[in-house]
Amino acid sequence: MADKDKKMTVEEAGRKGGEATSDSHDKEFYQEIGKKGGETTAEKHGKEFYQDIGKKGGEATADNHDKEFYQEIGKKGGESTADNHDKEFYQEIGKKGGEATADSHDKDFYQEIGEKGGNARAKNNGED
């Protein structure tokens, strides 16, 4: 009788409910409810909401991680992308990136980066 009178905490009830849901639903269920939740959030909040939370998350991550962390996740992301995409994918994103850069930069930008590249190459080849 003592157990019957003992109340469950909110934390315990949530954990038990989550376990029961997990036992009775598959990956597709979670993907679908995640998609619906994302769509609802997007409708309610808009682009600025995502920009703000992205900025906050990025700042928090930067505060808690060093250069090596970013190098490691960049390497993993690059390897994963390479495993999942072919040459045409890289050609297409390169083309899009080049077009976006051309739209947002002028002749002086290209002259400056060309000069920097030439100087770096000369330095690497032992030229002065």
C-alpha atoms as a PDB file:
ATOM      1  CA  MET A   1       0.000   0.000   0.000  1.00  0.00           C
ATOM      2  CA  ALA A   2       2.920   2.305   0.635  1.00  0.00           C
ATOM      3  CA  ASP A   3       3.942   2.033  -3.036  1.00  0.00           C
ATOM      4  CA  LYS A   4       0.433   2.965  -4.146  1.00  0.00           C
ATOM      5  CA  ASP A   5       0.569   6.217  -2.163  1.00  0.00           C
ATOM      6  CA  LYS A   6       4.019   7.139  -3.510  1.00  0.00           C
ATOM      7  CA  LYS A   7       3.737   9.682  -6.337  1.00  0.00           C
ATOM      8  CA  MET A   8       5.916   9.600  -9.411  1.00  0.00           C
ATOM      9  CA  THR A   9       8.029  12.670 -10.155  1.00  0.00           C
ATOM     10  CA  VAL A  10       7.550  14.524 -13.425  1.00  0.00           C
ATOM     11  CA  GLU A  11      11.015  13.355 -14.445  1.00  0.00           C
ATOM     12  CA  GLU A  12      10.137   9.702 -13.806  1.00  0.00           C
ATOM     13  CA  ALA A  13       6.830  10.004 -15.649  1.00  0.00           C
ATOM     14  CA  GLY A  14       8.551  11.609 -18.639  1.00  0.00           C
ATOM     15  CA  ARG A  15      11.222   8.933 -18.742  1.00  0.00           C
ATOM     16  CA  LYS A  16       8.661   6.114 -18.563  1.00  0.00           C
ATOM     17  CA  GLY A  17       6.515   7.742 -21.232  1.00  0.00           C
ATOM     18  CA  GLY A  18       9.517   8.222 -23.486  1.00  0.00           C
ATOM     19  CA  GLU A  19      10.568   4.607 -23.056  1.00  0.00           C
ATOM     20  CA  ALA A  20       7.048   3.370 -23.834  1.00  0.00           C
ATOM     21  CA  THR A  21       6.884   5.559 -26.958  1.00  0.00           C
ATOM     22  CA  SER A  22      10.317   4.389 -28.055  1.00  0.00           C
ATOM     23  CA  ASP A  23       9.271   0.752 -27.651  1.00  0.00           C
ATOM     24  CA  SER A  24       6.162   1.174 -29.795  1.00  0.00           C
ATOM     25  CA  HIS A  25       7.433   3.466 -32.609  1.00  0.00           C
ATOM     26  CA  ASP A  26      10.109   3.267 -35.284  1.00  0.00           C
ATOM     27  CA  LYS A  27      12.599   5.670 -36.850  1.00  0.00           C
ATOM     28  CA  GLU A  28      10.076   6.867 -39.448  1.00  0.00           C
ATOM     29  CA  PHE A  29       7.670   7.947 -36.689  1.00  0.00           C
ATOM     30  CA  TYR A  30      10.319  10.180 -35.138  1.00  0.00           C
ATOM     31  CA  GLN A  31      11.322  11.559 -38.544  1.00  0.00           C
ATOM     32  CA  GLU A  32       7.704  12.457 -39.308  1.00  0.00           C
ATOM     33  CA  ILE A  33       7.014  14.190 -35.988  1.00  0.00           C
ATOM     34  CA  GLY A  34      10.334  16.011 -36.264  1.00  0.00           C
ATOM     35  CA  LYS A  35       9.413  17.225 -39.737  1.00  0.00           C
ATOM     36  CA  LYS A  36       5.985  18.407 -38.563  1.00  0.00           C
ATOM     37  CA  GLY A  37       7.527  20.176 -35.579  1.00  0.00           C
ATOM     38  CA  GLY A  38      10.100  21.878 -37.766  1.00  0.00           C
ATOM     39  CA  GLU A  39       7.457  23.057 -40.213  1.00  0.00           C
ATOM     40  CA  THR A  40       5.273  24.417 -37.406  1.00  0.00           C
ATOM     41  CA  THR A  41       8.222  26.228 -35.834  1.00  0.00           C
ATOM     42  CA  ALA A  42       9.195  27.721 -39.197  1.00  0.00           C
ATOM     43  CA  GLU A  43       5.650  28.972 -39.775  1.00  0.00           C
ATOM     44  CA  LYS A  44       5.489  30.572 -36.323  1.00  0.00           C
ATOM     45  CA  HIS A  45       8.939  32.120 -36.115  1.00  0.00           C
ATOM     46  CA  GLY A  46      10.432  32.746 -39.542  1.00  0.00           C
ATOM     47  CA  LYS A  47      13.991  33.128 -40.817  1.00  0.00           C
ATOM     48  CA  GLU A  48      15.195  35.545 -38.120  1.00  0.00           C
ATOM     49  CA  PHE A  49      14.382  33.051 -35.358  1.00  0.00           C
ATOM     50  CA  TYR A  50      16.651  30.444 -36.937  1.00  0.00           C
ATOM     51  CA  GLN A  51      19.390  33.000 -37.563  1.00  0.00           C
ATOM     52  CA  ASP A  52      19.277  34.058 -33.914  1.00  0.00           C
ATOM     53  CA  ILE A  53      19.376  30.557 -32.434  1.00  0.00           C
ATOM     54  CA  GLY A  54      22.065  29.553 -34.944  1.00  0.00           C
ATOM     55  CA  LYS A  55      24.201  32.508 -33.913  1.00  0.00           C
ATOM     56  CA  LYS A  56      23.732  31.734 -30.217  1.00  0.00           C
ATOM     57  CA  GLY A  57      24.587  28.079 -30.765  1.00  0.00           C
ATOM     58  CA  GLY A  58      27.654  28.954 -32.800  1.00  0.00           C
ATOM     59  CA  GLU A  59      28.893  31.358 -30.135  1.00  0.00           C
ATOM     60  CA  ALA A  60      28.356  28.777 -27.380  1.00  0.00           C
ATOM     61  CA  THR A  61      30.199  26.137 -29.397  1.00  0.00           C
ATOM     62  CA  ALA A  62      33.074  28.527 -30.109  1.00  0.00           C
ATOM     63  CA  ASP A  63      33.344  29.326 -26.397  1.00  0.00           C
ATOM     64  CA  ASN A  64      33.639  25.638 -25.531  1.00  0.00           C
ATOM     65  CA  HIS A  65      35.890  24.288 -28.296  1.00  0.00           C
ATOM     66  CA  ASP A  66      39.305  24.943 -29.771  1.00  0.00           C
ATOM     67  CA  LYS A  67      40.806  24.919 -33.261  1.00  0.00           C
ATOM     68  CA  GLU A  68      41.415  21.155 -33.187  1.00  0.00           C
ATOM     69  CA  PHE A  69      37.708  20.504 -32.572  1.00  0.00           C
ATOM     70  CA  TYR A  70      36.776  22.419 -35.713  1.00  0.00           C
ATOM     71  CA  GLN A  71      39.514  20.712 -37.718  1.00  0.00           C
ATOM     72  CA  GLU A  72      38.255  17.293 -36.634  1.00  0.00           C
ATOM     73  CA  ILE A  73      34.575  17.936 -37.372  1.00  0.00           C
ATOM     74  CA  GLY A  74      35.515  19.530 -40.689  1.00  0.00           C
ATOM     75  CA  LYS A  75      37.542  16.469 -41.629  1.00  0.00           C
ATOM     76  CA  LYS A  76      34.705  14.117 -40.638  1.00  0.00           C
ATOM     77  CA  GLY A  77      32.172  16.192 -42.559  1.00  0.00           C
ATOM     78  CA  GLY A  78      34.365  16.288 -45.629  1.00  0.00           C
ATOM     79  CA  GLU A  79      34.915  12.529 -45.536  1.00  0.00           C
ATOM     80  CA  SER A  80      31.203  11.881 -45.098  1.00  0.00           C
ATOM     81  CA  THR A  81      30.328  14.201 -47.958  1.00  0.00           C
ATOM     82  CA  ALA A  82      32.934  12.555 -50.199  1.00  0.00           C
ATOM     83  CA  ASP A  83      31.516   9.112 -49.367  1.00  0.00           C
ATOM     84  CA  ASN A  84      28.003  10.215 -50.332  1.00  0.00           C
ATOM     85  CA  HIS A  85      28.595  12.344 -53.435  1.00  0.00           C
ATOM     86  CA  ASP A  86      30.212  12.028 -56.826  1.00  0.00           C
ATOM     87  CA  LYS A  87      32.313  14.267 -59.068  1.00  0.00           C
ATOM     88  CA  GLU A  88      29.233  15.970 -60.541  1.00  0.00           C
ATOM     89  CA  PHE A  89      28.101  17.083 -57.073  1.00  0.00           C
ATOM     90  CA  TYR A  90      31.404  18.869 -56.481  1.00  0.00           C
ATOM     91  CA  GLN A  91      31.317  20.413 -59.947  1.00  0.00           C
ATOM     92  CA  GLU A  92      27.812  21.761 -59.294  1.00  0.00           C
ATOM     93  CA  ILE A  93      28.567  23.235 -55.857  1.00  0.00           C
ATOM     94  CA  GLY A  94      31.818  24.698 -57.182  1.00  0.00           C
ATOM     95  CA  LYS A  95      29.935  26.357 -60.005  1.00  0.00           C
ATOM     96  CA  LYS A  96      27.312  27.751 -57.609  1.00  0.00           C
ATOM     97  CA  GLY A  97      30.012  29.025 -55.250  1.00  0.00           C
ATOM     98  CA  GLY A  98      31.902  30.653 -58.099  1.00  0.00           C
ATOM     99  CA  GLU A  99      28.753  32.357 -59.365  1.00  0.00           C
ATOM    100  CA  ALA A 100      27.838  33.602 -55.878  1.00  0.00           C
ATOM    101  CA  THR A 101      31.358  34.939 -55.350  1.00  0.00           C
ATOM    102  CA  ALA A 102      31.367  36.642 -58.758  1.00  0.00           C
ATOM    103  CA  ASP A 103      28.023  38.283 -57.950  1.00  0.00           C
ATOM    104  CA  SER A 104      29.289  39.702 -54.672  1.00  0.00           C
ATOM    105  CA  HIS A 105      32.882  40.729 -55.544  1.00  0.00           C
ATOM    106  CA  ASP A 106      34.523  43.044 -58.035  1.00  0.00           C
ATOM    107  CA  LYS A 107      37.685  42.992 -60.144  1.00  0.00           C
ATOM    108  CA  ASP A 108      39.826  44.322 -57.263  1.00  0.00           C
ATOM    109  CA  PHE A 109      38.903  41.317 -55.124  1.00  0.00           C
ATOM    110  CA  TYR A 110      40.120  38.870 -57.768  1.00  0.00           C
ATOM    111  CA  GLN A 111      43.321  40.850 -58.340  1.00  0.00           C
ATOM    112  CA  GLU A 112      44.052  40.812 -54.610  1.00  0.00           C
ATOM    113  CA  ILE A 113      43.474  37.088 -54.133  1.00  0.00           C
ATOM    114  CA  GLY A 114      45.430  36.362 -57.330  1.00  0.00           C
ATOM    115  CA  GLU A 115      48.368  38.340 -56.004  1.00  0.00           C
ATOM    116  CA  LYS A 116      48.201  36.571 -52.641  1.00  0.00           C
ATOM    117  CA  GLY A 117      48.108  33.193 -54.383  1.00  0.00           C
ATOM    118  CA  GLY A 118      51.041  34.077 -56.590  1.00  0.00           C
ATOM    119  CA  ASN A 119      53.087  35.270 -53.617  1.00  0.00           C
ATOM    120  CA  ALA A 120      52.304  32.111 -51.651  1.00  0.00           C
ATOM    121  CA  ARG A 121      53.286  29.912 -54.593  1.00  0.00           C
ATOM    122  CA  ALA A 122      56.538  31.808 -55.071  1.00  0.00           C
ATOM    123  CA  LYS A 123      57.337  31.481 -51.377  1.00  0.00           C
ATOM    124  CA  ASN A 124      56.648  27.732 -51.435  1.00  0.00           C
ATOM    125  CA  ASN A 125      58.879  27.323 -54.497  1.00  0.00           C
ATOM    126  CA  GLY A 126      61.731  29.218 -52.807  1.00  0.00           C
ATOM    127  CA  GLU A 127      61.451  32.226 -55.083  1.00  0.00           C
ATOM    128  CA  ASP A 128      61.778  35.759 -53.784  1.00  0.00           C
END
